[in-house]
Amino acid sequence: MTKNEKIFMIDCLLRDVRGNWADDPRPRVEFAMDLCYELGGDFNILGDDCKEYIDWADNGEIVDGRHFRAEFPYGYEDLDKMHKKSFTLADKSQEIKRRVDQYITYPEYLFSDVEDKSDVQVLQRLK
């Protein structure tokens, strides 16, 4: 993934956790954390925030998706100004489509061209 794609993916992952933290958020938060650490710089702060979220959950504390609703580098707010990508899926790389299929629980709430989860798989087959 390119740098912009990684930023876009972090934005998608944390927005999905915000919208659906009842379904195990750990895989989404861990992937966002890994991408943050790959990017480095100020993204390390957000990566540390992801780690803290996971640690709290592991210690039995109640966590929810509002944790990431803050301005960068403490949350996903303003990441869209950094990646400058539209929230559509058809025009994204195969890697993004694969990761959306793998991690995003409700793509229909993130992407204007997706009506339900099965659309992601259809878009993946299209080049």
C-alpha atoms as a PDB file:
ATOM      1  CA  MET A   1       0.000   0.000   0.000  1.00  0.00           C
ATOM      2  CA  THR A   2       1.095   3.535  -0.660  1.00  0.00           C
ATOM      3  CA  LYS A   3       1.383   6.060   2.158  1.00  0.00           C
ATOM      4  CA  ASN A   4      -1.957   7.638   1.215  1.00  0.00           C
ATOM      5  CA  GLU A   5      -3.620   4.224   1.051  1.00  0.00           C
ATOM      6  CA  LYS A   6      -2.321   3.409   4.536  1.00  0.00           C
ATOM      7  CA  ILE A   7      -3.702   6.679   5.885  1.00  0.00           C
ATOM      8  CA  PHE A   8      -7.014   5.987   4.139  1.00  0.00           C
ATOM      9  CA  MET A   9      -7.118   2.479   5.608  1.00  0.00           C
ATOM     10  CA  ILE A  10      -6.403   3.757   9.138  1.00  0.00           C
ATOM     11  CA  ASP A  11      -9.234   6.265   8.692  1.00  0.00           C
ATOM     12  CA  CYS A  12     -11.613   3.506   7.532  1.00  0.00           C
ATOM     13  CA  LEU A  13     -10.633   1.101  10.299  1.00  0.00           C
ATOM     14  CA  LEU A  14     -11.069   3.606  13.121  1.00  0.00           C
ATOM     15  CA  ARG A  15     -14.336   4.961  11.697  1.00  0.00           C
ATOM     16  CA  ASP A  16     -15.598   1.365  11.515  1.00  0.00           C
ATOM     17  CA  VAL A  17     -14.617   0.796  15.157  1.00  0.00           C
ATOM     18  CA  ARG A  18     -16.441   4.016  16.026  1.00  0.00           C
ATOM     19  CA  GLY A  19     -19.567   2.757  14.288  1.00  0.00           C
ATOM     20  CA  ASN A  20     -19.343  -0.858  15.436  1.00  0.00           C
ATOM     21  CA  TRP A  21     -17.320  -1.515  18.546  1.00  0.00           C
ATOM     22  CA  ALA A  22     -19.604  -4.323  19.723  1.00  0.00           C
ATOM     23  CA  ASP A  23     -18.126  -6.789  17.201  1.00  0.00           C
ATOM     24  CA  ASP A  24     -14.590  -7.587  18.303  1.00  0.00           C
ATOM     25  CA  PRO A  25     -12.688  -4.408  17.443  1.00  0.00           C
ATOM     26  CA  ARG A  26      -9.275  -5.912  18.216  1.00  0.00           C
ATOM     27  CA  PRO A  27      -8.315  -7.037  14.662  1.00  0.00           C
ATOM     28  CA  ARG A  28      -9.263  -3.631  13.231  1.00  0.00           C
ATOM     29  CA  VAL A  29      -7.444  -1.696  15.944  1.00  0.00           C
ATOM     30  CA  GLU A  30      -4.358  -3.920  15.693  1.00  0.00           C
ATOM     31  CA  PHE A  31      -4.182  -3.468  11.925  1.00  0.00           C
ATOM     32  CA  ALA A  32      -4.608   0.309  12.313  1.00  0.00           C
ATOM     33  CA  MET A  33      -1.857   0.265  14.948  1.00  0.00           C
ATOM     34  CA  ASP A  34       0.493  -1.675  12.650  1.00  0.00           C
ATOM     35  CA  LEU A  35      -0.127   0.772   9.799  1.00  0.00           C
ATOM     36  CA  CYS A  36       0.488   3.737  12.118  1.00  0.00           C
ATOM     37  CA  TYR A  37       3.818   2.334  13.229  1.00  0.00           C
ATOM     38  CA  GLU A  38       4.783   1.644   9.608  1.00  0.00           C
ATOM     39  CA  LEU A  39       4.124   5.299   8.774  1.00  0.00           C
ATOM     40  CA  GLY A  40       6.015   6.589  11.821  1.00  0.00           C
ATOM     41  CA  GLY A  41       6.274  10.246  12.812  1.00  0.00           C
ATOM     42  CA  ASP A  42       3.060  11.624  14.330  1.00  0.00           C
ATOM     43  CA  PHE A  43       1.341   8.366  13.406  1.00  0.00           C
ATOM     44  CA  ASN A  44       3.296   6.733  16.249  1.00  0.00           C
ATOM     45  CA  ILE A  45       1.119   8.771  18.652  1.00  0.00           C
ATOM     46  CA  LEU A  46      -2.021   7.289  17.103  1.00  0.00           C
ATOM     47  CA  GLY A  47      -0.378   3.849  17.118  1.00  0.00           C
ATOM     48  CA  ASP A  48       0.301   4.232  20.846  1.00  0.00           C
ATOM     49  CA  ASP A  49      -3.344   5.244  21.310  1.00  0.00           C
ATOM     50  CA  CYS A  50      -4.417   2.052  19.520  1.00  0.00           C
ATOM     51  CA  LYS A  51      -2.132   0.017  21.787  1.00  0.00           C
ATOM     52  CA  GLU A  52      -3.595   1.707  24.851  1.00  0.00           C
ATOM     53  CA  TYR A  53      -7.120   0.842  23.640  1.00  0.00           C
ATOM     54  CA  ILE A  54      -6.126  -2.812  23.245  1.00  0.00           C
ATOM     55  CA  ASP A  55      -4.449  -2.859  26.673  1.00  0.00           C
ATOM     56  CA  TRP A  56      -7.564  -1.436  28.305  1.00  0.00           C
ATOM     57  CA  ALA A  57      -9.734  -4.046  26.604  1.00  0.00           C
ATOM     58  CA  ASP A  58      -7.334  -6.808  27.685  1.00  0.00           C
ATOM     59  CA  ASN A  59      -7.615  -5.585  31.277  1.00  0.00           C
ATOM     60  CA  GLY A  60     -11.404  -5.886  31.145  1.00  0.00           C
ATOM     61  CA  GLU A  61     -12.088  -2.172  30.934  1.00  0.00           C
ATOM     62  CA  ILE A  62     -15.049  -1.011  28.903  1.00  0.00           C
ATOM     63  CA  VAL A  63     -13.912   0.504  25.638  1.00  0.00           C
ATOM     64  CA  ASP A  64     -15.932   1.847  22.748  1.00  0.00           C
ATOM     65  CA  GLY A  65     -15.335   3.436  19.392  1.00  0.00           C
ATOM     66  CA  ARG A  66     -15.667   7.006  20.658  1.00  0.00           C
ATOM     67  CA  HIS A  67     -12.097   6.584  21.888  1.00  0.00           C
ATOM     68  CA  PHE A  68     -10.833   7.405  18.383  1.00  0.00           C
ATOM     69  CA  ARG A  69     -13.201  10.298  17.663  1.00  0.00           C
ATOM     70  CA  ALA A  70     -10.592  13.015  18.062  1.00  0.00           C
ATOM     71  CA  GLU A  71      -8.336  15.106  15.871  1.00  0.00           C
ATOM     72  CA  PHE A  72      -5.180  13.535  14.500  1.00  0.00           C
ATOM     73  CA  PRO A  73      -2.784  12.420  15.979  1.00  0.00           C
ATOM     74  CA  TYR A  74      -5.156  11.185  18.703  1.00  0.00           C
ATOM     75  CA  GLY A  75      -7.936   9.940  16.430  1.00  0.00           C
ATOM     76  CA  TYR A  76      -9.289   9.761  12.902  1.00  0.00           C
ATOM     77  CA  GLU A  77     -10.622  13.327  12.579  1.00  0.00           C
ATOM     78  CA  ASP A  78      -8.841  15.197   9.776  1.00  0.00           C
ATOM     79  CA  LEU A  79      -7.208  12.071   8.312  1.00  0.00           C
ATOM     80  CA  ASP A  80      -9.454  12.559   5.273  1.00  0.00           C
ATOM     81  CA  LYS A  81      -7.663  15.877   4.648  1.00  0.00           C
ATOM     82  CA  MET A  82      -4.369  13.977   4.590  1.00  0.00           C
ATOM     83  CA  HIS A  83      -5.299  11.117   2.255  1.00  0.00           C
ATOM     84  CA  LYS A  84      -7.717  13.196   0.123  1.00  0.00           C
ATOM     85  CA  LYS A  85      -9.514  10.070  -1.058  1.00  0.00           C
ATOM     86  CA  SER A  86     -13.242   9.788  -1.557  1.00  0.00           C
ATOM     87  CA  PHE A  87     -15.177   7.271   0.479  1.00  0.00           C
ATOM     88  CA  THR A  88     -15.938   5.093  -2.524  1.00  0.00           C
ATOM     89  CA  LEU A  89     -14.566   1.617  -3.032  1.00  0.00           C
ATOM     90  CA  ALA A  90     -14.818   0.892  -6.751  1.00  0.00           C
ATOM     91  CA  ASP A  91     -11.919   3.217  -7.554  1.00  0.00           C
ATOM     92  CA  LYS A  92      -9.550   1.801  -4.904  1.00  0.00           C
ATOM     93  CA  SER A  93      -6.700  -0.673  -5.347  1.00  0.00           C
ATOM     94  CA  GLN A  94      -7.205  -4.414  -5.046  1.00  0.00           C
ATOM     95  CA  GLU A  95      -5.213  -4.307  -1.794  1.00  0.00           C
ATOM     96  CA  ILE A  96      -7.633  -1.785  -0.260  1.00  0.00           C
ATOM     97  CA  LYS A  97     -10.627  -3.821  -1.424  1.00  0.00           C
ATOM     98  CA  ARG A  98      -9.123  -6.985   0.057  1.00  0.00           C
ATOM     99  CA  ARG A  99      -8.439  -5.280   3.396  1.00  0.00           C
ATOM    100  CA  VAL A 100     -11.927  -3.758   3.489  1.00  0.00           C
ATOM    101  CA  ASP A 101     -13.381  -7.219   2.913  1.00  0.00           C
ATOM    102  CA  GLN A 102     -11.124  -8.657   5.609  1.00  0.00           C
ATOM    103  CA  TYR A 103     -11.587  -6.018   8.327  1.00  0.00           C
ATOM    104  CA  ILE A 104     -14.461  -3.578   7.810  1.00  0.00           C
ATOM    105  CA  THR A 105     -17.667  -4.810   9.432  1.00  0.00           C
ATOM    106  CA  TYR A 106     -20.128  -2.347   7.874  1.00  0.00           C
ATOM    107  CA  PRO A 107     -18.679  -1.043   4.598  1.00  0.00           C
ATOM    108  CA  GLU A 108     -22.091   0.273   3.577  1.00  0.00           C
ATOM    109  CA  TYR A 109     -21.745   3.007   6.208  1.00  0.00           C
ATOM    110  CA  LEU A 110     -18.310   4.097   4.972  1.00  0.00           C
ATOM    111  CA  PHE A 111     -18.513   3.839   1.199  1.00  0.00           C
ATOM    112  CA  SER A 112     -21.157   5.556  -0.890  1.00  0.00           C
ATOM    113  CA  ASP A 113     -20.939   2.889  -3.621  1.00  0.00           C
ATOM    114  CA  VAL A 114     -21.458  -0.103  -1.306  1.00  0.00           C
ATOM    115  CA  GLU A 115     -24.931  -1.223  -0.272  1.00  0.00           C
ATOM    116  CA  ASP A 116     -23.923  -4.285   1.750  1.00  0.00           C
ATOM    117  CA  LYS A 117     -20.938  -6.495   2.531  1.00  0.00           C
ATOM    118  CA  SER A 118     -21.447  -8.643  -0.588  1.00  0.00           C
ATOM    119  CA  ASP A 119     -20.747  -5.604  -2.804  1.00  0.00           C
ATOM    120  CA  VAL A 120     -17.168  -5.569  -1.505  1.00  0.00           C
ATOM    121  CA  GLN A 121     -16.564  -9.065  -2.846  1.00  0.00           C
ATOM    122  CA  VAL A 122     -18.071  -8.120  -6.212  1.00  0.00           C
ATOM    123  CA  LEU A 123     -15.862  -5.029  -6.423  1.00  0.00           C
ATOM    124  CA  GLN A 124     -12.814  -7.145  -5.573  1.00  0.00           C
ATOM    125  CA  ARG A 125     -13.428  -9.305  -8.639  1.00  0.00           C
ATOM    126  CA  LEU A 126     -13.589  -6.226 -10.889  1.00  0.00           C
ATOM    127  CA  LYS A 127     -10.271  -4.796 -12.048  1.00  0.00           C
END
